[in-house]
Amino acid sequence: MRADLESIQAEFAKAETERAAEIHSLKRREADALAARRNASAAVAQRLDTLETDLADTTRKLHSTIIQNKALVKANKEFQQQLHRHSENKKSSSSKGSRGGRHKREEQI
């Protein structure tokens, strides 16, 4: 009976040791998984910060480009208006000059 009791105690001790090793292994895996999630969260947070910075930079560049484009469109419109006025003035002065030239020729004849 004593031998049976010692055998049972040895089996329980062995099972307890194995269970303790399993628990330790499980805790280690959980700690590793938690560390991986924290690292992943930190990496995602860092990537989000980078994306927000890139988005802000791109938005500023786009806004600057739009302002430059508006200025160029305005300058082009003003140039076209000046060109049109110059063309109209040139037509007007050449038609006045032709009539004046005819009158002078007629007077000379």
N, C-alpha and C. Protein backbone atom coordinates (compact mmCIF):
# COMPACT_ATOMS: atom_id res chain seq x y z
N MET A 1 0.81 -1.18 0.00
CA MET A 1 0.00 0.00 0.00
C MET A 1 0.87 1.26 0.00
N ARG A 2 1.92 1.20 0.77
CA ARG A 2 2.82 2.34 0.81
C ARG A 2 3.44 2.55 -0.56
N ALA A 3 3.76 1.47 -1.24
CA ALA A 3 4.34 1.55 -2.57
C ALA A 3 3.33 2.16 -3.54
N ASP A 4 2.07 1.79 -3.39
CA ASP A 4 1.03 2.36 -4.23
C ASP A 4 0.89 3.86 -3.99
N LEU A 5 0.95 4.23 -2.71
CA LEU A 5 0.84 5.65 -2.35
C LEU A 5 2.01 6.44 -2.92
N GLU A 6 3.20 5.90 -2.82
CA GLU A 6 4.38 6.57 -3.36
C GLU A 6 4.29 6.66 -4.89
N SER A 7 3.78 5.63 -5.51
CA SER A 7 3.62 5.62 -6.96
C SER A 7 2.61 6.69 -7.39
N ILE A 8 1.51 6.78 -6.64
CA ILE A 8 0.48 7.78 -6.94
C ILE A 8 1.05 9.19 -6.74
N GLN A 9 1.81 9.37 -5.64
CA GLN A 9 2.42 10.69 -5.37
C GLN A 9 3.41 11.04 -6.47
N ALA A 10 4.15 10.09 -6.95
CA ALA A 10 5.13 10.33 -8.02
C ALA A 10 4.41 10.71 -9.31
N GLU A 11 3.31 10.01 -9.59
CA GLU A 11 2.52 10.35 -10.78
C GLU A 11 1.94 11.76 -10.67
N PHE A 12 1.42 12.11 -9.49
CA PHE A 12 0.89 13.46 -9.29
C PHE A 12 2.00 14.51 -9.40
N ALA A 13 3.15 14.22 -8.87
CA ALA A 13 4.28 15.15 -8.94
C ALA A 13 4.70 15.35 -10.39
N LYS A 14 4.75 14.23 -11.13
CA LYS A 14 5.11 14.31 -12.55
C LYS A 14 4.06 15.11 -13.32
N ALA A 15 2.79 14.84 -13.08
CA ALA A 15 1.70 15.55 -13.75
C ALA A 15 1.74 17.04 -13.39
N GLU A 16 2.04 17.31 -12.11
CA GLU A 16 2.12 18.71 -11.66
C GLU A 16 3.27 19.43 -12.36
N THR A 17 4.39 18.78 -12.49
CA THR A 17 5.55 19.37 -13.17
C THR A 17 5.23 19.61 -14.64
N GLU A 18 4.59 18.63 -15.29
CA GLU A 18 4.22 18.79 -16.69
C GLU A 18 3.21 19.93 -16.87
N ARG A 19 2.24 19.98 -15.97
CA ARG A 19 1.22 21.04 -16.04
C ARG A 19 1.86 22.41 -15.80
N ALA A 20 2.78 22.50 -14.89
CA ALA A 20 3.49 23.76 -14.62
C ALA A 20 4.27 24.19 -15.86
N ALA A 21 4.89 23.23 -16.55
CA ALA A 21 5.65 23.54 -17.78
C ALA A 21 4.69 24.01 -18.88
N GLU A 22 3.52 23.37 -18.97
CA GLU A 22 2.51 23.80 -19.96
C GLU A 22 2.03 25.21 -19.67
N ILE A 23 1.76 25.48 -18.39
CA ILE A 23 1.30 26.81 -17.99
C ILE A 23 2.37 27.86 -18.28
N HIS A 24 3.62 27.52 -17.97
CA HIS A 24 4.72 28.45 -18.24
C HIS A 24 4.83 28.71 -19.75
N SER A 25 4.72 27.66 -20.54
CA SER A 25 4.79 27.79 -22.00
C SER A 25 3.63 28.64 -22.52
N LEU A 26 2.43 28.40 -21.98
CA LEU A 26 1.25 29.17 -22.38
C LEU A 26 1.44 30.65 -22.02
N LYS A 27 1.92 30.93 -20.82
CA LYS A 27 2.16 32.32 -20.41
C LYS A 27 3.19 32.99 -21.31
N ARG A 28 4.23 32.24 -21.67
CA ARG A 28 5.28 32.77 -22.55
C ARG A 28 4.69 33.13 -23.92
N ARG A 29 3.86 32.22 -24.47
CA ARG A 29 3.23 32.48 -25.77
C ARG A 29 2.29 33.70 -25.69
N GLU A 30 1.54 33.80 -24.60
CA GLU A 30 0.64 34.95 -24.42
C GLU A 30 1.44 36.25 -24.31
N ALA A 31 2.56 36.21 -23.58
CA ALA A 31 3.40 37.40 -23.45
C ALA A 31 4.01 37.78 -24.80
N ASP A 32 4.44 36.77 -25.57
CA ASP A 32 4.98 37.05 -26.91
C ASP A 32 3.92 37.64 -27.83
N ALA A 33 2.70 37.07 -27.76
CA ALA A 33 1.61 37.58 -28.60
C ALA A 33 1.26 39.01 -28.22
N LEU A 34 1.24 39.29 -26.91
CA LEU A 34 0.95 40.65 -26.45
C LEU A 34 2.03 41.62 -26.93
N ALA A 35 3.29 41.22 -26.84
CA ALA A 35 4.39 42.06 -27.32
C ALA A 35 4.26 42.30 -28.83
N ALA A 36 3.89 41.27 -29.55
CA ALA A 36 3.72 41.41 -31.01
C ALA A 36 2.58 42.38 -31.32
N ARG A 37 1.47 42.27 -30.57
CA ARG A 37 0.35 43.20 -30.79
C ARG A 37 0.75 44.63 -30.47
N ARG A 38 1.51 44.79 -29.39
CA ARG A 38 1.96 46.15 -29.03
C ARG A 38 2.88 46.71 -30.11
N ASN A 39 3.80 45.88 -30.59
CA ASN A 39 4.70 46.32 -31.65
C ASN A 39 3.92 46.65 -32.91
N ALA A 40 2.95 45.81 -33.23
CA ALA A 40 2.13 46.06 -34.42
C ALA A 40 1.34 47.35 -34.24
N SER A 41 0.79 47.56 -33.06
CA SER A 41 0.04 48.79 -32.79
C SER A 41 0.94 50.02 -32.92
N ALA A 42 2.15 49.90 -32.39
CA ALA A 42 3.10 51.01 -32.49
C ALA A 42 3.46 51.26 -33.95
N ALA A 43 3.66 50.19 -34.72
CA ALA A 43 4.00 50.34 -36.14
C ALA A 43 2.83 50.96 -36.90
N VAL A 44 1.62 50.54 -36.59
CA VAL A 44 0.44 51.11 -37.26
C VAL A 44 0.30 52.59 -36.89
N ALA A 45 0.48 52.91 -35.61
CA ALA A 45 0.39 54.31 -35.18
C ALA A 45 1.45 55.16 -35.87
N GLN A 46 2.66 54.64 -35.99
CA GLN A 46 3.73 55.37 -36.67
C GLN A 46 3.40 55.56 -38.14
N ARG A 47 2.86 54.52 -38.76
CA ARG A 47 2.50 54.61 -40.19
C ARG A 47 1.37 55.62 -40.39
N LEU A 48 0.40 55.64 -39.46
CA LEU A 48 -0.67 56.62 -39.55
C LEU A 48 -0.12 58.04 -39.43
N ASP A 49 0.81 58.24 -38.50
CA ASP A 49 1.43 59.56 -38.36
C ASP A 49 2.11 59.97 -39.67
N THR A 50 2.84 59.02 -40.26
CA THR A 50 3.54 59.30 -41.52
C THR A 50 2.53 59.64 -42.62
N LEU A 51 1.46 58.87 -42.70
CA LEU A 51 0.44 59.13 -43.71
C LEU A 51 -0.23 60.48 -43.50
N GLU A 52 -0.50 60.84 -42.25
CA GLU A 52 -1.11 62.14 -41.96
C GLU A 52 -0.17 63.28 -42.38
N THR A 53 1.12 63.11 -42.09
CA THR A 53 2.10 64.13 -42.48
C THR A 53 2.19 64.23 -44.00
N ASP A 54 2.24 63.08 -44.67
CA ASP A 54 2.30 63.08 -46.14
C ASP A 54 1.05 63.71 -46.73
N LEU A 55 -0.10 63.41 -46.15
CA LEU A 55 -1.35 63.98 -46.64
C LEU A 55 -1.36 65.50 -46.46
N ALA A 56 -0.89 65.97 -45.31
CA ALA A 56 -0.84 67.41 -45.07
C ALA A 56 0.12 68.09 -46.05
N ASP A 57 1.28 67.47 -46.30
CA ASP A 57 2.24 68.03 -47.26
C ASP A 57 1.65 68.06 -48.67
N THR A 58 1.01 66.97 -49.06
CA THR A 58 0.40 66.91 -50.39
C THR A 58 -0.72 67.93 -50.53
N THR A 59 -1.50 68.10 -49.48
CA THR A 59 -2.59 69.08 -49.50
C THR A 59 -2.03 70.49 -49.66
N ARG A 60 -0.95 70.80 -48.93
CA ARG A 60 -0.32 72.13 -49.06
C ARG A 60 0.22 72.34 -50.48
N LYS A 61 0.87 71.32 -51.03
CA LYS A 61 1.41 71.44 -52.39
C LYS A 61 0.28 71.61 -53.41
N LEU A 62 -0.78 70.86 -53.23
CA LEU A 62 -1.93 70.97 -54.12
C LEU A 62 -2.55 72.35 -54.04
N HIS A 63 -2.69 72.85 -52.83
CA HIS A 63 -3.26 74.20 -52.64
C HIS A 63 -2.37 75.25 -53.31
N SER A 64 -1.07 75.12 -53.14
CA SER A 64 -0.13 76.04 -53.76
C SER A 64 -0.23 75.97 -55.28
N THR A 65 -0.33 74.75 -55.82
CA THR A 65 -0.47 74.58 -57.26
C THR A 65 -1.75 75.21 -57.77
N ILE A 66 -2.83 75.05 -57.03
CA ILE A 66 -4.11 75.63 -57.43
C ILE A 66 -4.01 77.15 -57.45
N ILE A 67 -3.39 77.73 -56.44
CA ILE A 67 -3.22 79.19 -56.39
C ILE A 67 -2.38 79.66 -57.57
N GLN A 68 -1.28 78.95 -57.86
CA GLN A 68 -0.44 79.31 -59.00
C GLN A 68 -1.22 79.20 -60.30
N ASN A 69 -2.02 78.14 -60.42
CA ASN A 69 -2.81 77.94 -61.63
C ASN A 69 -3.83 79.07 -61.80
N LYS A 70 -4.48 79.46 -60.71
CA LYS A 70 -5.44 80.55 -60.79
C LYS A 70 -4.75 81.84 -61.23
N ALA A 71 -3.55 82.09 -60.70
CA ALA A 71 -2.81 83.28 -61.09
C ALA A 71 -2.44 83.23 -62.57
N LEU A 72 -2.04 82.07 -63.04
CA LEU A 72 -1.69 81.92 -64.46
C LEU A 72 -2.93 82.10 -65.35
N VAL A 73 -4.05 81.55 -64.93
CA VAL A 73 -5.28 81.71 -65.71
C VAL A 73 -5.67 83.19 -65.76
N LYS A 74 -5.56 83.87 -64.63
CA LYS A 74 -5.89 85.30 -64.58
C LYS A 74 -4.95 86.10 -65.49
N ALA A 75 -3.65 85.80 -65.40
CA ALA A 75 -2.67 86.50 -66.22
C ALA A 75 -2.92 86.23 -67.70
N ASN A 76 -3.26 84.99 -68.05
CA ASN A 76 -3.55 84.64 -69.43
C ASN A 76 -4.80 85.39 -69.92
N LYS A 77 -5.81 85.45 -69.09
CA LYS A 77 -7.04 86.15 -69.46
C LYS A 77 -6.76 87.65 -69.70
N GLU A 78 -5.97 88.24 -68.79
CA GLU A 78 -5.61 89.64 -68.96
C GLU A 78 -4.80 89.85 -70.23
N PHE A 79 -3.87 88.93 -70.51
CA PHE A 79 -3.06 89.02 -71.72
C PHE A 79 -3.95 88.92 -72.96
N GLN A 80 -4.89 87.97 -72.95
CA GLN A 80 -5.80 87.81 -74.09
C GLN A 80 -6.63 89.08 -74.30
N GLN A 81 -7.08 89.70 -73.19
CA GLN A 81 -7.85 90.94 -73.31
C GLN A 81 -6.99 92.06 -73.89
N GLN A 82 -5.75 92.18 -73.43
CA GLN A 82 -4.85 93.20 -73.95
C GLN A 82 -4.57 92.93 -75.43
N LEU A 83 -4.36 91.69 -75.78
CA LEU A 83 -4.10 91.33 -77.16
C LEU A 83 -5.31 91.69 -78.03
N HIS A 84 -6.49 91.40 -77.54
CA HIS A 84 -7.71 91.72 -78.26
C HIS A 84 -7.86 93.24 -78.43
N ARG A 85 -7.61 93.99 -77.34
CA ARG A 85 -7.69 95.46 -77.42
C ARG A 85 -6.66 96.00 -78.40
N HIS A 86 -5.45 95.46 -78.34
CA HIS A 86 -4.39 95.90 -79.25
C HIS A 86 -4.79 95.61 -80.69
N SER A 87 -5.34 94.42 -80.93
CA SER A 87 -5.78 94.04 -82.26
C SER A 87 -6.90 94.97 -82.74
N GLU A 88 -7.85 95.27 -81.87
CA GLU A 88 -8.94 96.18 -82.23
C GLU A 88 -8.41 97.58 -82.51
N ASN A 89 -7.48 98.05 -81.69
CA ASN A 89 -6.88 99.38 -81.90
C ASN A 89 -6.12 99.42 -83.22
N LYS A 90 -5.43 98.34 -83.55
CA LYS A 90 -4.66 98.28 -84.78
C LYS A 90 -5.61 98.30 -85.98
N LYS A 91 -6.71 97.54 -85.89
CA LYS A 91 -7.70 97.54 -86.97
C LYS A 91 -8.31 98.92 -87.12
N SER A 92 -8.62 99.51 -85.98
CA SER A 92 -9.25 100.83 -85.99
C SER A 92 -8.30 101.87 -86.59
N SER A 93 -7.05 101.86 -86.20
CA SER A 93 -6.11 102.86 -86.71
C SER A 93 -5.77 102.60 -88.18
N SER A 94 -5.72 101.33 -88.61
CA SER A 94 -5.41 101.07 -90.02
C SER A 94 -6.59 101.46 -90.90
N SER A 95 -7.82 101.26 -90.41
CA SER A 95 -8.96 101.67 -91.24
C SER A 95 -9.08 103.19 -91.26
N LYS A 96 -8.71 103.88 -90.21
CA LYS A 96 -8.71 105.35 -90.22
C LYS A 96 -7.63 105.86 -91.16
N GLY A 97 -6.48 105.21 -91.11
CA GLY A 97 -5.36 105.61 -91.97
C GLY A 97 -5.68 105.39 -93.43
N SER A 98 -6.39 104.34 -93.80
CA SER A 98 -6.73 104.09 -95.19
C SER A 98 -7.70 105.13 -95.69
N ARG A 99 -8.70 105.47 -94.87
CA ARG A 99 -9.67 106.48 -95.31
C ARG A 99 -8.99 107.84 -95.47
N GLY A 100 -8.14 108.11 -94.52
CA GLY A 100 -7.43 109.39 -94.61
C GLY A 100 -6.56 109.45 -95.84
N GLY A 101 -5.96 108.35 -96.21
CA GLY A 101 -5.10 108.31 -97.39
C GLY A 101 -5.91 108.48 -98.67
N ARG A 102 -7.09 107.92 -98.73
CA ARG A 102 -7.94 108.07 -99.91
C ARG A 102 -8.37 109.52 -100.06
N HIS A 103 -8.72 110.13 -98.94
CA HIS A 103 -9.15 111.53 -99.00
C HIS A 103 -8.03 112.41 -99.50
N LYS A 104 -6.82 112.16 -99.07
CA LYS A 104 -5.70 112.94 -99.51
C LYS A 104 -5.45 112.77 -100.99
N ARG A 105 -5.55 111.53 -101.48
CA ARG A 105 -5.34 111.27 -102.90
C ARG A 105 -6.42 111.97 -103.73
N GLU A 106 -7.66 111.89 -103.24
CA GLU A 106 -8.74 112.53 -103.97
C GLU A 106 -8.55 114.05 -104.03
N GLU A 107 -8.05 114.60 -102.92
CA GLU A 107 -7.83 116.03 -102.90
C GLU A 107 -6.71 116.43 -103.85
N GLN A 108 -5.71 115.57 -103.96
CA GLN A 108 -4.58 115.87 -104.83
C GLN A 108 -4.97 115.80 -106.29
N ILE A 109 -5.94 115.02 -106.64
CA ILE A 109 -6.33 114.84 -108.04
C ILE A 109 -7.18 115.93 -108.51
